[in-house]
Amino acid sequence: QVQLVESGGGLVQPGGSLGLSCEASGDIFNIRDMNWFRQEPGKSRQWVAKITRPGETTYADSVRGRFRILRDNDRNAVYLQMNSLKPEDTAVYYCNARILRQRSDTYTDYWGQGTPVTVSS
């Protein structure tokens, strides 16, 4: 019953900005860590950023200083604000969350379907 849905992807020029959103819904009791990953064509999926429930953040070296991850626990949402975008940021971006379902005693990883981001002139 749990779903993660991303939105906000699209085409942006180099140096521009773009904001991504991901909302989780369904039979959710609690969400622990939330992450953003991305996958370039022909490459493996790579981790981008993480945010804990209290709001502690970590970033991949390639995006540190340019991207910011945020979350809204009341809305079960995670966001990725991307600034100073480069062509190498082009990828499909996926949100990820460790979720405890209602009446369950174990956390499980859930993934969104992905939203494409293209950085090009």
N, C-alpha and C. Protein backbone atom coordinates (compact mmCIF):
# COMPACT_ATOMS: atom_id res chain seq x y z
N GLN A 1 0.81 -1.22 0.00
CA GLN A 1 0.00 0.00 0.00
C GLN A 1 0.84 1.27 0.00
N VAL A 2 2.12 1.18 0.35
CA VAL A 2 2.98 2.35 0.41
C VAL A 2 3.45 2.72 -0.98
N GLN A 3 3.37 4.00 -1.30
CA GLN A 3 3.83 4.52 -2.57
C GLN A 3 4.67 5.76 -2.36
N LEU A 4 5.72 5.91 -3.18
CA LEU A 4 6.52 7.12 -3.25
C LEU A 4 6.40 7.66 -4.67
N VAL A 5 6.04 8.94 -4.80
CA VAL A 5 5.83 9.55 -6.10
C VAL A 5 6.67 10.81 -6.21
N GLU A 6 7.57 10.83 -7.21
CA GLU A 6 8.41 11.99 -7.46
C GLU A 6 7.75 12.93 -8.45
N SER A 7 8.14 14.21 -8.38
CA SER A 7 7.67 15.20 -9.34
C SER A 7 8.70 16.32 -9.41
N GLY A 8 8.60 17.12 -10.47
CA GLY A 8 9.45 18.30 -10.61
C GLY A 8 10.55 18.20 -11.63
N GLY A 9 10.77 17.03 -12.22
CA GLY A 9 11.81 16.89 -13.21
C GLY A 9 11.48 17.62 -14.49
N GLY A 10 12.51 17.81 -15.32
CA GLY A 10 12.31 18.50 -16.58
C GLY A 10 13.61 18.93 -17.20
N LEU A 11 13.51 19.86 -18.15
CA LEU A 11 14.67 20.38 -18.86
C LEU A 11 15.08 21.72 -18.27
N VAL A 12 16.37 21.88 -18.00
CA VAL A 12 16.90 23.12 -17.45
C VAL A 12 18.26 23.40 -18.08
N GLN A 13 18.58 24.68 -18.24
CA GLN A 13 19.87 25.07 -18.81
C GLN A 13 20.99 24.95 -17.80
N PRO A 14 22.23 24.72 -18.26
CA PRO A 14 23.36 24.70 -17.34
C PRO A 14 23.43 25.98 -16.51
N GLY A 15 23.70 25.82 -15.22
CA GLY A 15 23.73 26.94 -14.30
C GLY A 15 22.39 27.25 -13.68
N GLY A 16 21.34 26.62 -14.16
CA GLY A 16 20.01 26.86 -13.64
C GLY A 16 19.70 26.06 -12.41
N SER A 17 18.46 26.17 -11.95
CA SER A 17 18.00 25.50 -10.74
C SER A 17 16.73 24.73 -11.01
N LEU A 18 16.51 23.71 -10.19
CA LEU A 18 15.32 22.88 -10.31
C LEU A 18 15.04 22.24 -8.96
N GLY A 19 13.77 22.15 -8.60
CA GLY A 19 13.38 21.53 -7.35
C GLY A 19 12.58 20.26 -7.59
N LEU A 20 12.94 19.20 -6.88
CA LEU A 20 12.25 17.93 -6.97
C LEU A 20 11.48 17.66 -5.69
N SER A 21 10.36 16.97 -5.81
CA SER A 21 9.54 16.61 -4.67
C SER A 21 9.25 15.12 -4.69
N CYS A 22 9.06 14.55 -3.52
CA CYS A 22 8.68 13.16 -3.39
C CYS A 22 7.76 13.03 -2.18
N GLU A 23 6.59 12.48 -2.39
CA GLU A 23 5.62 12.29 -1.32
C GLU A 23 5.31 10.81 -1.14
N ALA A 24 5.39 10.37 0.10
CA ALA A 24 5.04 9.00 0.44
C ALA A 24 3.61 8.95 0.98
N SER A 25 2.90 7.92 0.62
CA SER A 25 1.52 7.77 1.08
C SER A 25 1.21 6.30 1.30
N GLY A 26 0.14 6.06 2.04
CA GLY A 26 -0.30 4.70 2.28
C GLY A 26 -0.25 4.33 3.75
N ASP A 27 -0.04 3.04 3.98
CA ASP A 27 -0.09 2.47 5.33
C ASP A 27 1.24 2.71 6.05
N ILE A 28 1.49 3.96 6.43
CA ILE A 28 2.76 4.38 7.01
C ILE A 28 2.60 4.67 8.49
N PHE A 29 3.48 4.06 9.29
CA PHE A 29 3.54 4.36 10.71
C PHE A 29 4.67 5.34 11.00
N ASN A 30 5.82 5.14 10.37
CA ASN A 30 6.96 6.01 10.61
C ASN A 30 7.93 5.92 9.43
N ILE A 31 8.63 7.02 9.16
CA ILE A 31 9.67 7.06 8.15
C ILE A 31 10.98 7.48 8.80
N ARG A 32 12.01 6.67 8.62
CA ARG A 32 13.32 6.98 9.18
C ARG A 32 14.12 7.80 8.16
N ASP A 33 15.21 7.27 7.62
CA ASP A 33 16.01 8.03 6.66
C ASP A 33 15.32 8.14 5.31
N MET A 34 15.57 9.24 4.62
CA MET A 34 15.10 9.44 3.26
C MET A 34 16.30 9.85 2.40
N ASN A 35 16.32 9.40 1.16
CA ASN A 35 17.45 9.62 0.27
C ASN A 35 16.97 10.02 -1.12
N TRP A 36 17.89 10.64 -1.85
CA TRP A 36 17.77 10.81 -3.29
C TRP A 36 18.91 10.06 -3.96
N PHE A 37 18.58 9.32 -5.01
CA PHE A 37 19.53 8.65 -5.88
C PHE A 37 19.32 9.16 -7.30
N ARG A 38 20.29 8.91 -8.16
CA ARG A 38 20.12 9.23 -9.57
C ARG A 38 20.82 8.18 -10.42
N GLN A 39 20.35 8.04 -11.65
CA GLN A 39 20.89 7.05 -12.57
C GLN A 39 21.01 7.65 -13.96
N GLU A 40 22.24 7.74 -14.45
CA GLU A 40 22.50 8.21 -15.80
C GLU A 40 22.33 7.06 -16.78
N PRO A 41 22.00 7.35 -18.03
CA PRO A 41 21.84 6.28 -19.02
C PRO A 41 23.08 5.42 -19.14
N GLY A 42 22.89 4.12 -19.05
CA GLY A 42 23.99 3.18 -19.18
C GLY A 42 24.86 3.03 -17.96
N LYS A 43 24.49 3.67 -16.84
CA LYS A 43 25.28 3.60 -15.63
C LYS A 43 24.44 3.09 -14.47
N SER A 44 25.10 2.72 -13.39
CA SER A 44 24.41 2.23 -12.21
C SER A 44 23.83 3.39 -11.40
N ARG A 45 22.87 3.05 -10.56
CA ARG A 45 22.24 4.06 -9.72
C ARG A 45 23.20 4.52 -8.63
N GLN A 46 23.32 5.83 -8.44
CA GLN A 46 24.25 6.40 -7.50
C GLN A 46 23.52 7.22 -6.43
N TRP A 47 24.01 7.14 -5.22
CA TRP A 47 23.45 7.91 -4.12
C TRP A 47 23.81 9.39 -4.25
N VAL A 48 22.85 10.26 -3.94
CA VAL A 48 23.03 11.70 -4.06
C VAL A 48 23.03 12.40 -2.71
N ALA A 49 22.01 12.13 -1.88
CA ALA A 49 21.88 12.84 -0.61
C ALA A 49 21.00 12.05 0.34
N LYS A 50 21.21 12.26 1.63
CA LYS A 50 20.42 11.61 2.67
C LYS A 50 19.99 12.63 3.71
N ILE A 51 18.83 12.42 4.28
CA ILE A 51 18.37 13.24 5.40
C ILE A 51 17.71 12.34 6.43
N THR A 52 18.10 12.49 7.69
CA THR A 52 17.50 11.72 8.77
C THR A 52 16.18 12.35 9.19
N ARG A 53 15.44 11.66 10.03
CA ARG A 53 14.16 12.20 10.49
C ARG A 53 14.34 13.52 11.24
N PRO A 54 15.36 13.65 12.11
CA PRO A 54 15.58 14.95 12.75
C PRO A 54 16.11 16.04 11.82
N GLY A 55 16.59 15.67 10.62
CA GLY A 55 17.03 16.67 9.66
C GLY A 55 18.52 16.73 9.39
N GLU A 56 19.29 15.77 9.87
CA GLU A 56 20.72 15.73 9.57
C GLU A 56 20.94 15.31 8.13
N THR A 57 21.80 16.03 7.41
CA THR A 57 21.98 15.79 5.98
C THR A 57 23.41 15.39 5.64
N THR A 58 23.55 14.58 4.59
CA THR A 58 24.83 14.24 4.00
C THR A 58 24.67 14.24 2.49
N TYR A 59 25.78 14.51 1.77
CA TYR A 59 25.74 14.66 0.33
C TYR A 59 26.89 13.93 -0.33
N ALA A 60 26.66 13.49 -1.57
CA ALA A 60 27.74 12.98 -2.39
C ALA A 60 28.67 14.13 -2.77
N ASP A 61 29.95 13.81 -2.96
CA ASP A 61 30.93 14.84 -3.29
C ASP A 61 30.54 15.63 -4.54
N SER A 62 29.92 14.97 -5.49
CA SER A 62 29.61 15.60 -6.77
C SER A 62 28.54 16.68 -6.68
N VAL A 63 27.76 16.69 -5.60
CA VAL A 63 26.66 17.65 -5.48
C VAL A 63 26.77 18.55 -4.27
N ARG A 64 27.70 18.27 -3.37
CA ARG A 64 27.85 19.05 -2.15
C ARG A 64 28.09 20.52 -2.48
N GLY A 65 27.34 21.40 -1.83
CA GLY A 65 27.45 22.83 -2.08
C GLY A 65 26.51 23.34 -3.15
N ARG A 66 25.94 22.45 -3.95
CA ARG A 66 25.02 22.84 -5.01
C ARG A 66 23.60 22.36 -4.75
N PHE A 67 23.45 21.20 -4.14
CA PHE A 67 22.14 20.62 -3.87
C PHE A 67 21.83 20.72 -2.38
N ARG A 68 20.53 20.77 -2.07
CA ARG A 68 20.09 20.74 -0.69
C ARG A 68 18.89 19.82 -0.55
N ILE A 69 18.95 18.92 0.43
CA ILE A 69 17.86 17.99 0.69
C ILE A 69 17.09 18.47 1.93
N LEU A 70 15.77 18.41 1.85
CA LEU A 70 14.90 18.81 2.95
C LEU A 70 13.77 17.80 3.08
N ARG A 71 13.08 17.83 4.23
CA ARG A 71 11.94 16.93 4.41
C ARG A 71 10.87 17.60 5.24
N ASP A 72 9.65 17.11 5.09
CA ASP A 72 8.50 17.55 5.86
C ASP A 72 7.86 16.30 6.43
N ASN A 73 8.09 16.06 7.71
CA ASN A 73 7.61 14.82 8.32
C ASN A 73 6.08 14.76 8.40
N ASP A 74 5.44 15.92 8.53
CA ASP A 74 3.97 15.94 8.59
C ASP A 74 3.36 15.50 7.27
N ARG A 75 4.04 15.78 6.17
CA ARG A 75 3.54 15.43 4.85
C ARG A 75 4.20 14.19 4.27
N ASN A 76 5.10 13.56 5.02
CA ASN A 76 5.85 12.39 4.54
C ASN A 76 6.52 12.69 3.21
N ALA A 77 7.16 13.85 3.15
CA ALA A 77 7.75 14.31 1.90
C ALA A 77 9.23 14.60 2.05
N VAL A 78 9.96 14.44 0.95
CA VAL A 78 11.36 14.81 0.87
C VAL A 78 11.56 15.62 -0.41
N TYR A 79 12.44 16.60 -0.34
CA TYR A 79 12.66 17.51 -1.45
C TYR A 79 14.14 17.58 -1.78
N LEU A 80 14.45 17.90 -3.02
CA LEU A 80 15.82 18.12 -3.45
C LEU A 80 15.87 19.41 -4.25
N GLN A 81 16.52 20.43 -3.69
CA GLN A 81 16.70 21.70 -4.39
C GLN A 81 18.07 21.66 -5.07
N MET A 82 18.07 21.76 -6.39
CA MET A 82 19.30 21.64 -7.17
C MET A 82 19.64 23.00 -7.78
N ASN A 83 20.83 23.48 -7.50
CA ASN A 83 21.32 24.75 -8.01
C ASN A 83 22.61 24.55 -8.79
N SER A 84 22.96 25.54 -9.60
CA SER A 84 24.18 25.50 -10.40
C SER A 84 24.30 24.18 -11.15
N LEU A 85 23.24 23.81 -11.83
CA LEU A 85 23.18 22.51 -12.48
C LEU A 85 24.18 22.41 -13.63
N LYS A 86 24.73 21.22 -13.80
CA LYS A 86 25.70 20.91 -14.83
C LYS A 86 25.15 19.82 -15.75
N PRO A 87 25.64 19.74 -16.98
CA PRO A 87 25.19 18.67 -17.87
C PRO A 87 25.36 17.28 -17.27
N GLU A 88 26.40 17.07 -16.47
CA GLU A 88 26.62 15.77 -15.86
C GLU A 88 25.62 15.44 -14.76
N ASP A 89 24.76 16.39 -14.39
CA ASP A 89 23.68 16.11 -13.45
C ASP A 89 22.49 15.45 -14.14
N THR A 90 22.51 15.37 -15.45
CA THR A 90 21.43 14.75 -16.20
C THR A 90 21.28 13.29 -15.79
N ALA A 91 20.08 12.93 -15.36
CA ALA A 91 19.81 11.58 -14.88
C ALA A 91 18.34 11.45 -14.52
N VAL A 92 17.93 10.24 -14.26
CA VAL A 92 16.63 9.99 -13.65
C VAL A 92 16.85 9.99 -12.14
N TYR A 93 16.09 10.81 -11.43
CA TYR A 93 16.25 10.95 -9.99
C TYR A 93 15.17 10.16 -9.26
N TYR A 94 15.59 9.39 -8.26
CA TYR A 94 14.71 8.53 -7.49
C TYR A 94 14.75 8.90 -6.01
N CYS A 95 13.59 8.92 -5.38
CA CYS A 95 13.57 9.07 -3.93
C CYS A 95 13.48 7.70 -3.28
N ASN A 96 14.00 7.63 -2.07
CA ASN A 96 14.08 6.39 -1.31
C ASN A 96 13.75 6.69 0.14
N ALA A 97 13.08 5.77 0.81
CA ALA A 97 12.74 5.97 2.21
C ALA A 97 12.70 4.65 2.96
N ARG A 98 13.17 4.67 4.20
CA ARG A 98 13.05 3.53 5.11
C ARG A 98 11.76 3.72 5.89
N ILE A 99 10.79 2.84 5.67
CA ILE A 99 9.44 3.02 6.17
C ILE A 99 9.01 1.85 7.05
N LEU A 100 8.42 2.18 8.19
CA LEU A 100 7.78 1.20 9.05
C LEU A 100 6.28 1.28 8.79
N ARG A 101 5.72 0.22 8.28
CA ARG A 101 4.29 0.17 8.03
C ARG A 101 3.52 -0.04 9.32
N GLN A 102 2.27 0.38 9.33
CA GLN A 102 1.42 0.18 10.49
C GLN A 102 1.27 -1.30 10.78
N ARG A 103 1.34 -1.65 12.06
CA ARG A 103 1.21 -3.03 12.54
C ARG A 103 2.37 -3.92 12.10
N SER A 104 3.49 -3.30 11.74
CA SER A 104 4.70 -4.03 11.39
C SER A 104 5.80 -3.71 12.40
N ASP A 105 6.80 -4.57 12.48
CA ASP A 105 7.91 -4.34 13.40
C ASP A 105 9.26 -4.24 12.68
N THR A 106 9.24 -4.11 11.37
CA THR A 106 10.47 -3.99 10.60
C THR A 106 10.38 -2.85 9.58
N TYR A 107 11.50 -2.17 9.37
CA TYR A 107 11.58 -1.12 8.36
C TYR A 107 11.92 -1.74 7.01
N THR A 108 11.37 -1.15 5.95
CA THR A 108 11.57 -1.64 4.60
C THR A 108 11.91 -0.46 3.68
N ASP A 109 12.83 -0.69 2.74
CA ASP A 109 13.18 0.32 1.74
C ASP A 109 12.11 0.41 0.66
N TYR A 110 11.68 1.64 0.37
CA TYR A 110 10.74 1.90 -0.71
C TYR A 110 11.35 2.89 -1.69
N TRP A 111 10.96 2.75 -2.96
CA TRP A 111 11.50 3.58 -4.04
C TRP A 111 10.38 4.18 -4.87
N GLY A 112 10.61 5.40 -5.35
CA GLY A 112 9.71 6.01 -6.29
C GLY A 112 10.00 5.52 -7.70
N GLN A 113 9.16 5.94 -8.65
CA GLN A 113 9.32 5.53 -10.04
C GLN A 113 10.39 6.34 -10.77
N GLY A 114 10.78 7.47 -10.23
CA GLY A 114 11.81 8.30 -10.83
C GLY A 114 11.24 9.45 -11.63
N THR A 115 11.98 10.55 -11.65
CA THR A 115 11.63 11.71 -12.46
C THR A 115 12.88 12.16 -13.22
N PRO A 116 12.79 12.33 -14.54
CA PRO A 116 13.98 12.65 -15.33
C PRO A 116 14.35 14.13 -15.25
N VAL A 117 15.65 14.38 -15.17
CA VAL A 117 16.20 15.73 -15.18
C VAL A 117 17.23 15.81 -16.31
N THR A 118 17.05 16.77 -17.20
CA THR A 118 17.98 16.98 -18.30
C THR A 118 18.56 18.38 -18.21
N VAL A 119 19.88 18.47 -18.14
CA VAL A 119 20.57 19.76 -18.08
C VAL A 119 21.27 19.96 -19.42
N SER A 120 20.75 20.86 -20.22
CA SER A 120 21.28 21.06 -21.57
C SER A 120 20.88 22.42 -22.10
N SER A 121 21.71 22.96 -23.01
CA SER A 121 21.38 24.21 -23.69
C SER A 121 20.51 23.97 -24.91
